[in-house]
Amino acid sequence: MKNVTITLDEETARWARIEAARQGTSVSRLVGRILRERREQEAQRLAALERFIQRPVKALKAADGTYPDRETLYDRPVLR
């Protein structure tokens, strides 16, 4: 574990103390958990973006020059 000193405005410090007490933990552990969750969410977001970018590109326009209709484009059945 690495010790870090942070500076908080009074309102945020009060919220952190209350939230930590509500969760039965220390402010230090609360802040550590919040930052770890944020880091993990960012890693997941970047991984999802990378998967999206790696997807093969599909031509929207068909060989005959037509575009797909809405149902085909969104792979939805036609409701009538």
PDB file of N, CA and C in Angstrom:
ATOM      1  N   MET A   1       0.828  -1.180   0.000  1.00  0.00           N
ATOM      2  CA  MET A   1       0.000   0.000   0.000  1.00  0.00           C
ATOM      3  C   MET A   1       0.877   1.250   0.000  1.00  0.00           C
ATOM      4  N   LYS A   2       0.387   2.261  -0.658  1.00  0.00           N
ATOM      5  CA  LYS A   2       1.098   3.533  -0.750  1.00  0.00           C
ATOM      6  C   LYS A   2       0.273   4.594  -0.034  1.00  0.00           C
ATOM      7  N   ASN A   3       0.892   5.356   0.852  1.00  0.00           N
ATOM      8  CA  ASN A   3       0.208   6.447   1.527  1.00  0.00           C
ATOM      9  C   ASN A   3       0.252   7.688   0.660  1.00  0.00           C
ATOM     10  N   VAL A   4      -0.882   8.383   0.574  1.00  0.00           N
ATOM     11  CA  VAL A   4      -1.000   9.598  -0.229  1.00  0.00           C
ATOM     12  C   VAL A   4      -1.768  10.623   0.604  1.00  0.00           C
ATOM     13  N   THR A   5      -1.335  11.859   0.554  1.00  0.00           N
ATOM     14  CA  THR A   5      -2.054  12.930   1.228  1.00  0.00           C
ATOM     15  C   THR A   5      -2.908  13.652   0.202  1.00  0.00           C
ATOM     16  N   ILE A   6      -4.187  13.862   0.525  1.00  0.00           N
ATOM     17  CA  ILE A   6      -5.076  14.579  -0.380  1.00  0.00           C
ATOM     18  C   ILE A   6      -5.672  15.782   0.344  1.00  0.00           C
ATOM     19  N   THR A   7      -6.086  16.757  -0.417  1.00  0.00           N
ATOM     20  CA  THR A   7      -6.730  17.941   0.127  1.00  0.00           C
ATOM     21  C   THR A   7      -8.152  17.988  -0.405  1.00  0.00           C
ATOM     22  N   LEU A   8      -9.106  18.138   0.531  1.00  0.00           N
ATOM     23  CA  LEU A   8     -10.518  18.181   0.169  1.00  0.00           C
ATOM     24  C   LEU A   8     -11.137  19.461   0.697  1.00  0.00           C
ATOM     25  N   ASP A   9     -12.123  19.951  -0.027  1.00  0.00           N
ATOM     26  CA  ASP A   9     -12.879  21.066   0.520  1.00  0.00           C
ATOM     27  C   ASP A   9     -13.704  20.528   1.687  1.00  0.00           C
ATOM     28  N   GLU A  10     -14.154  21.417   2.551  1.00  0.00           N
ATOM     29  CA  GLU A  10     -14.836  21.024   3.777  1.00  0.00           C
ATOM     30  C   GLU A  10     -16.087  20.181   3.522  1.00  0.00           C
ATOM     31  N   GLU A  11     -16.877  20.555   2.528  1.00  0.00           N
ATOM     32  CA  GLU A  11     -18.106  19.819   2.226  1.00  0.00           C
ATOM     33  C   GLU A  11     -17.806  18.392   1.754  1.00  0.00           C
ATOM     34  N   THR A  12     -16.802  18.240   0.898  1.00  0.00           N
ATOM     35  CA  THR A  12     -16.430  16.912   0.394  1.00  0.00           C
ATOM     36  C   THR A  12     -15.849  16.066   1.527  1.00  0.00           C
ATOM     37  N   ALA A  13     -15.034  16.673   2.380  1.00  0.00           N
ATOM     38  CA  ALA A  13     -14.457  15.939   3.509  1.00  0.00           C
ATOM     39  C   ALA A  13     -15.563  15.455   4.445  1.00  0.00           C
ATOM     40  N   ARG A  14     -16.556  16.292   4.688  1.00  0.00           N
ATOM     41  CA  ARG A  14     -17.681  15.911   5.545  1.00  0.00           C
ATOM     42  C   ARG A  14     -18.447  14.741   4.921  1.00  0.00           C
ATOM     43  N   TRP A  15     -18.715  14.844   3.614  1.00  0.00           N
ATOM     44  CA  TRP A  15     -19.415  13.756   2.932  1.00  0.00           C
ATOM     45  C   TRP A  15     -18.607  12.464   3.033  1.00  0.00           C
ATOM     46  N   ALA A  16     -17.292  12.547   2.821  1.00  0.00           N
ATOM     47  CA  ALA A  16     -16.437  11.357   2.860  1.00  0.00           C
ATOM     48  C   ALA A  16     -16.459  10.720   4.248  1.00  0.00           C
ATOM     49  N   ARG A  17     -16.410  11.517   5.303  1.00  0.00           N
ATOM     50  CA  ARG A  17     -16.452  10.970   6.666  1.00  0.00           C
ATOM     51  C   ARG A  17     -17.788  10.274   6.922  1.00  0.00           C
ATOM     52  N   ILE A  18     -18.874  10.914   6.511  1.00  0.00           N
ATOM     53  CA  ILE A  18     -20.205  10.330   6.710  1.00  0.00           C
ATOM     54  C   ILE A  18     -20.360   9.042   5.907  1.00  0.00           C
ATOM     55  N   GLU A  19     -19.949   9.086   4.633  1.00  0.00           N
ATOM     56  CA  GLU A  19     -20.067   7.906   3.763  1.00  0.00           C
ATOM     57  C   GLU A  19     -19.208   6.764   4.272  1.00  0.00           C
ATOM     58  N   ALA A  20     -17.998   7.055   4.714  1.00  0.00           N
ATOM     59  CA  ALA A  20     -17.126   6.013   5.259  1.00  0.00           C
ATOM     60  C   ALA A  20     -17.749   5.396   6.510  1.00  0.00           C
ATOM     61  N   ALA A  21     -18.310   6.226   7.388  1.00  0.00           N
ATOM     62  CA  ALA A  21     -18.959   5.718   8.604  1.00  0.00           C
ATOM     63  C   ALA A  21     -20.162   4.867   8.232  1.00  0.00           C
ATOM     64  N   ARG A  22     -20.928   5.308   7.251  1.00  0.00           N
ATOM     65  CA  ARG A  22     -22.097   4.552   6.819  1.00  0.00           C
ATOM     66  C   ARG A  22     -21.700   3.168   6.305  1.00  0.00           C
ATOM     67  N   GLN A  23     -20.549   3.095   5.634  1.00  0.00           N
ATOM     68  CA  GLN A  23     -20.072   1.821   5.083  1.00  0.00           C
ATOM     69  C   GLN A  23     -19.204   1.040   6.064  1.00  0.00           C
ATOM     70  N   GLY A  24     -18.967   1.627   7.227  1.00  0.00           N
ATOM     71  CA  GLY A  24     -18.166   0.940   8.237  1.00  0.00           C
ATOM     72  C   GLY A  24     -16.707   0.816   7.850  1.00  0.00           C
ATOM     73  N   THR A  25     -16.157   1.844   7.230  1.00  0.00           N
ATOM     74  CA  THR A  25     -14.770   1.819   6.795  1.00  0.00           C
ATOM     75  C   THR A  25     -14.132   3.173   7.073  1.00  0.00           C
ATOM     76  N   SER A  26     -12.870   3.303   6.739  1.00  0.00           N
ATOM     77  CA  SER A  26     -12.174   4.584   6.928  1.00  0.00           C
ATOM     78  C   SER A  26     -12.288   5.425   5.659  1.00  0.00           C
ATOM     79  N   VAL A  27     -12.051   6.719   5.817  1.00  0.00           N
ATOM     80  CA  VAL A  27     -12.052   7.616   4.654  1.00  0.00           C
ATOM     81  C   VAL A  27     -10.970   7.163   3.671  1.00  0.00           C
ATOM     82  N   SER A  28      -9.837   6.753   4.191  1.00  0.00           N
ATOM     83  CA  SER A  28      -8.737   6.298   3.337  1.00  0.00           C
ATOM     84  C   SER A  28      -9.161   5.108   2.477  1.00  0.00           C
ATOM     85  N   ARG A  29      -9.782   4.124   3.087  1.00  0.00           N
ATOM     86  CA  ARG A  29     -10.234   2.951   2.322  1.00  0.00           C
ATOM     87  C   ARG A  29     -11.354   3.304   1.357  1.00  0.00           C
ATOM     88  N   LEU A  30     -12.248   4.212   1.760  1.00  0.00           N
ATOM     89  CA  LEU A  30     -13.326   4.659   0.882  1.00  0.00           C
ATOM     90  C   LEU A  30     -12.752   5.311  -0.373  1.00  0.00           C
ATOM     91  N   VAL A  31     -11.818   6.240  -0.180  1.00  0.00           N
ATOM     92  CA  VAL A  31     -11.207   6.928  -1.324  1.00  0.00           C
ATOM     93  C   VAL A  31     -10.450   5.928  -2.193  1.00  0.00           C
ATOM     94  N   GLY A  32      -9.728   5.012  -1.563  1.00  0.00           N
ATOM     95  CA  GLY A  32      -9.003   3.993  -2.323  1.00  0.00           C
ATOM     96  C   GLY A  32      -9.928   3.140  -3.168  1.00  0.00           C
ATOM     97  N   ARG A  33     -11.071   2.733  -2.574  1.00  0.00           N
ATOM     98  CA  ARG A  33     -12.039   1.914  -3.318  1.00  0.00           C
ATOM     99  C   ARG A  33     -12.650   2.695  -4.473  1.00  0.00           C
ATOM    100  N   ILE A  34     -13.010   3.952  -4.219  1.00  0.00           N
ATOM    101  CA  ILE A  34     -13.600   4.785  -5.278  1.00  0.00           C
ATOM    102  C   ILE A  34     -12.618   4.950  -6.435  1.00  0.00           C
ATOM    103  N   LEU A  35     -11.357   5.216  -6.126  1.00  0.00           N
ATOM    104  CA  LEU A  35     -10.355   5.389  -7.186  1.00  0.00           C
ATOM    105  C   LEU A  35     -10.094   4.079  -7.930  1.00  0.00           C
ATOM    106  N   ARG A  36     -10.058   2.963  -7.207  1.00  0.00           N
ATOM    107  CA  ARG A  36      -9.848   1.662  -7.859  1.00  0.00           C
ATOM    108  C   ARG A  36     -11.005   1.338  -8.800  1.00  0.00           C
ATOM    109  N   GLU A  37     -12.254   1.587  -8.334  1.00  0.00           N
ATOM    110  CA  GLU A  37     -13.412   1.354  -9.192  1.00  0.00           C
ATOM    111  C   GLU A  37     -13.365   2.235 -10.432  1.00  0.00           C
ATOM    112  N   ARG A  38     -12.966   3.473 -10.269  1.00  0.00           N
ATOM    113  CA  ARG A  38     -12.859   4.406 -11.405  1.00  0.00           C
ATOM    114  C   ARG A  38     -11.816   3.918 -12.408  1.00  0.00           C
ATOM    115  N   ARG A  39     -10.680   3.435 -11.885  1.00  0.00           N
ATOM    116  CA  ARG A  39      -9.620   2.911 -12.758  1.00  0.00           C
ATOM    117  C   ARG A  39     -10.106   1.686 -13.518  1.00  0.00           C
ATOM    118  N   GLU A  40     -10.819   0.786 -12.838  1.00  0.00           N
ATOM    119  CA  GLU A  40     -11.337  -0.418 -13.485  1.00  0.00           C
ATOM    120  C   GLU A  40     -12.387  -0.075 -14.541  1.00  0.00           C
ATOM    121  N   GLN A  41     -13.255   0.891 -14.248  1.00  0.00           N
ATOM    122  CA  GLN A  41     -14.260   1.316 -15.231  1.00  0.00           C
ATOM    123  C   GLN A  41     -13.582   1.907 -16.462  1.00  0.00           C
ATOM    124  N   GLU A  42     -12.556   2.701 -16.256  1.00  0.00           N
ATOM    125  CA  GLU A  42     -11.830   3.296 -17.379  1.00  0.00           C
ATOM    126  C   GLU A  42     -11.166   2.207 -18.224  1.00  0.00           C
ATOM    127  N   ALA A  43     -10.593   1.206 -17.571  1.00  0.00           N
ATOM    128  CA  ALA A  43      -9.963   0.095 -18.306  1.00  0.00           C
ATOM    129  C   ALA A  43     -11.011  -0.662 -19.116  1.00  0.00           C
ATOM    130  N   GLN A  44     -12.199  -0.890 -18.532  1.00  0.00           N
ATOM    131  CA  GLN A  44     -13.273  -1.575 -19.250  1.00  0.00           C
ATOM    132  C   GLN A  44     -13.757  -0.742 -20.428  1.00  0.00           C
ATOM    133  N   ARG A  45     -13.867   0.559 -20.223  1.00  0.00           N
ATOM    134  CA  ARG A  45     -14.305   1.449 -21.300  1.00  0.00           C
ATOM    135  C   ARG A  45     -13.304   1.431 -22.452  1.00  0.00           C
ATOM    136  N   LEU A  46     -12.034   1.497 -22.128  1.00  0.00           N
ATOM    137  CA  LEU A  46     -11.009   1.471 -23.170  1.00  0.00           C
ATOM    138  C   LEU A  46     -10.977   0.120 -23.894  1.00  0.00           C
ATOM    139  N   ALA A  47     -11.176  -0.965 -23.158  1.00  0.00           N
ATOM    140  CA  ALA A  47     -11.212  -2.298 -23.789  1.00  0.00           C
ATOM    141  C   ALA A  47     -12.405  -2.401 -24.734  1.00  0.00           C
ATOM    142  N   ALA A  48     -13.568  -1.879 -24.321  1.00  0.00           N
ATOM    143  CA  ALA A  48     -14.751  -1.903 -25.180  1.00  0.00           C
ATOM    144  C   ALA A  48     -14.524  -1.054 -26.426  1.00  0.00           C
ATOM    145  N   LEU A  49     -13.898   0.093 -26.256  1.00  0.00           N
ATOM    146  CA  LEU A  49     -13.595   0.954 -27.401  1.00  0.00           C
ATOM    147  C   LEU A  49     -12.649   0.241 -28.364  1.00  0.00           C
ATOM    148  N   GLU A  50     -11.658  -0.411 -27.831  1.00  0.00           N
ATOM    149  CA  GLU A  50     -10.704  -1.149 -28.666  1.00  0.00           C
ATOM    150  C   GLU A  50     -11.409  -2.263 -29.439  1.00  0.00           C
ATOM    151  N   ARG A  51     -12.313  -3.006 -28.764  1.00  0.00           N
ATOM    152  CA  ARG A  51     -13.071  -4.060 -29.461  1.00  0.00           C
ATOM    153  C   ARG A  51     -13.930  -3.460 -30.572  1.00  0.00           C
ATOM    154  N   PHE A  52     -14.542  -2.317 -30.303  1.00  0.00           N
ATOM    155  CA  PHE A  52     -15.371  -1.666 -31.306  1.00  0.00           C
ATOM    156  C   PHE A  52     -14.539  -1.231 -32.509  1.00  0.00           C
ATOM    157  N   ILE A  53     -13.396  -0.648 -32.249  1.00  0.00           N
ATOM    158  CA  ILE A  53     -12.523  -0.171 -33.330  1.00  0.00           C
ATOM    159  C   ILE A  53     -12.005  -1.337 -34.166  1.00  0.00           C
ATOM    160  N   GLN A  54     -11.778  -2.488 -33.553  1.00  0.00           N
ATOM    161  CA  GLN A  54     -11.232  -3.654 -34.255  1.00  0.00           C
ATOM    162  C   GLN A  54     -12.265  -4.388 -35.102  1.00  0.00           C
ATOM    163  N   ARG A  55     -13.551  -4.043 -34.943  1.00  0.00           N
ATOM    164  CA  ARG A  55     -14.585  -4.712 -35.738  1.00  0.00           C
ATOM    165  C   ARG A  55     -14.375  -4.439 -37.220  1.00  0.00           C
ATOM    166  N   PRO A  56     -14.667  -5.418 -38.052  1.00  0.00           N
ATOM    167  CA  PRO A  56     -14.518  -5.186 -39.486  1.00  0.00           C
ATOM    168  C   PRO A  56     -15.521  -4.135 -39.978  1.00  0.00           C
ATOM    169  N   VAL A  57     -15.093  -3.357 -40.932  1.00  0.00           N
ATOM    170  CA  VAL A  57     -15.948  -2.321 -41.506  1.00  0.00           C
ATOM    171  C   VAL A  57     -16.841  -2.959 -42.559  1.00  0.00           C
ATOM    172  N   LYS A  58     -18.123  -2.642 -42.506  1.00  0.00           N
ATOM    173  CA  LYS A  58     -19.066  -3.160 -43.491  1.00  0.00           C
ATOM    174  C   LYS A  58     -19.550  -1.995 -44.345  1.00  0.00           C
ATOM    175  N   ALA A  59     -19.662  -2.234 -45.627  1.00  0.00           N
ATOM    176  CA  ALA A  59     -20.198  -1.207 -46.523  1.00  0.00           C
ATOM    177  C   ALA A  59     -21.694  -1.084 -46.278  1.00  0.00           C
ATOM    178  N   LEU A  60     -22.170   0.126 -46.137  1.00  0.00           N
ATOM    179  CA  LEU A  60     -23.592   0.334 -45.912  1.00  0.00           C
ATOM    180  C   LEU A  60     -24.367   0.189 -47.220  1.00  0.00           C
ATOM    181  N   LYS A  61     -23.798   0.720 -48.283  1.00  0.00           N
ATOM    182  CA  LYS A  61     -24.465   0.673 -49.578  1.00  0.00           C
ATOM    183  C   LYS A  61     -24.221  -0.685 -50.232  1.00  0.00           C
ATOM    184  N   ALA A  62     -25.275  -1.290 -50.762  1.00  0.00           N
ATOM    185  CA  ALA A  62     -25.170  -2.580 -51.445  1.00  0.00           C
ATOM    186  C   ALA A  62     -24.484  -2.401 -52.796  1.00  0.00           C
ATOM    187  N   ALA A  63     -24.093  -3.508 -53.393  1.00  0.00           N
ATOM    188  CA  ALA A  63     -23.414  -3.478 -54.690  1.00  0.00           C
ATOM    189  C   ALA A  63     -24.267  -2.814 -55.770  1.00  0.00           C
ATOM    190  N   ASP A  64     -25.595  -2.926 -55.651  1.00  0.00           N
ATOM    191  CA  ASP A  64     -26.472  -2.316 -56.660  1.00  0.00           C
ATOM    192  C   ASP A  64     -26.745  -0.835 -56.385  1.00  0.00           C
ATOM    193  N   GLY A  65     -26.095  -0.275 -55.345  1.00  0.00           N
ATOM    194  CA  GLY A  65     -26.234   1.152 -55.057  1.00  0.00           C
ATOM    195  C   GLY A  65     -27.371   1.501 -54.118  1.00  0.00           C
ATOM    196  N   THR A  66     -28.104   0.493 -53.628  1.00  0.00           N
ATOM    197  CA  THR A  66     -29.215   0.770 -52.711  1.00  0.00           C
ATOM    198  C   THR A  66     -28.741   0.687 -51.262  1.00  0.00           C
ATOM    199  N   TYR A  67     -29.493   1.343 -50.429  1.00  0.00           N
ATOM    200  CA  TYR A  67     -29.215   1.287 -48.997  1.00  0.00           C
ATOM    201  C   TYR A  67     -30.212   0.344 -48.336  1.00  0.00           C
ATOM    202  N   PRO A  68     -29.832  -0.270 -47.212  1.00  0.00           N
ATOM    203  CA  PRO A  68     -30.763  -1.173 -46.539  1.00  0.00           C
ATOM    204  C   PRO A  68     -31.912  -0.401 -45.899  1.00  0.00           C
ATOM    205  N   ASP A  69     -33.055  -1.072 -45.754  1.00  0.00           N
ATOM    206  CA  ASP A  69     -34.166  -0.419 -45.061  1.00  0.00           C
ATOM    207  C   ASP A  69     -33.906  -0.474 -43.553  1.00  0.00           C
ATOM    208  N   ARG A  70     -34.707   0.235 -42.815  1.00  0.00           N
ATOM    209  CA  ARG A  70     -34.507   0.368 -41.378  1.00  0.00           C
ATOM    210  C   ARG A  70     -34.507  -0.988 -40.661  1.00  0.00           C
ATOM    211  N   GLU A  71     -35.446  -1.862 -40.998  1.00  0.00           N
ATOM    212  CA  GLU A  71     -35.548  -3.155 -40.331  1.00  0.00           C
ATOM    213  C   GLU A  71     -34.307  -4.005 -40.574  1.00  0.00           C
ATOM    214  N   THR A  72     -33.811  -3.987 -41.785  1.00  0.00           N
ATOM    215  CA  THR A  72     -32.605  -4.744 -42.100  1.00  0.00           C
ATOM    216  C   THR A  72     -31.400  -4.144 -41.392  1.00  0.00           C
ATOM    217  N   LEU A  73     -31.315  -2.824 -41.419  1.00  0.00           N
ATOM    218  CA  LEU A  73     -30.169  -2.144 -40.817  1.00  0.00           C
ATOM    219  C   LEU A  73     -30.067  -2.437 -39.328  1.00  0.00           C
ATOM    220  N   TYR A  74     -31.192  -2.388 -38.635  1.00  0.00           N
ATOM    221  CA  TYR A  74     -31.179  -2.625 -37.192  1.00  0.00           C
ATOM    222  C   TYR A  74     -31.564  -4.051 -36.825  1.00  0.00           C
ATOM    223  N   ASP A  75     -31.669  -4.914 -37.810  1.00  0.00           N
ATOM    224  CA  ASP A  75     -31.968  -6.330 -37.614  1.00  0.00           C
ATOM    225  C   ASP A  75     -33.223  -6.500 -36.773  1.00  0.00           C
ATOM    226  N   ARG A  76     -34.262  -5.733 -37.144  1.00  0.00           N
ATOM    227  CA  ARG A  76     -35.539  -5.782 -36.449  1.00  0.00           C
ATOM    228  C   ARG A  76     -36.604  -6.360 -37.369  1.00  0.00           C
ATOM    229  N   PRO A  77     -37.514  -7.133 -36.787  1.00  0.00           N
ATOM    230  CA  PRO A  77     -38.629  -7.634 -37.607  1.00  0.00           C
ATOM    231  C   PRO A  77     -39.606  -6.493 -37.888  1.00  0.00           C
ATOM    232  N   VAL A  78     -40.286  -6.594 -39.014  1.00  0.00           N
ATOM    233  CA  VAL A  78     -41.302  -5.605 -39.370  1.00  0.00           C
ATOM    234  C   VAL A  78     -42.552  -5.894 -38.554  1.00  0.00           C
ATOM    235  N   LEU A  79     -43.045  -4.908 -37.818  1.00  0.00           N
ATOM    236  CA  LEU A  79     -44.262  -5.056 -37.022  1.00  0.00           C
ATOM    237  C   LEU A  79     -45.413  -4.447 -37.792  1.00  0.00           C
ATOM    238  N   ARG A  80     -46.455  -5.223 -38.002  1.00  0.00           N
ATOM    239  CA  ARG A  80     -47.615  -4.730 -38.745  1.00  0.00           C
ATOM    240  C   ARG A  80     -48.872  -5.038 -38.016  1.00  0.00           C
TER     241      ARG A  80
END
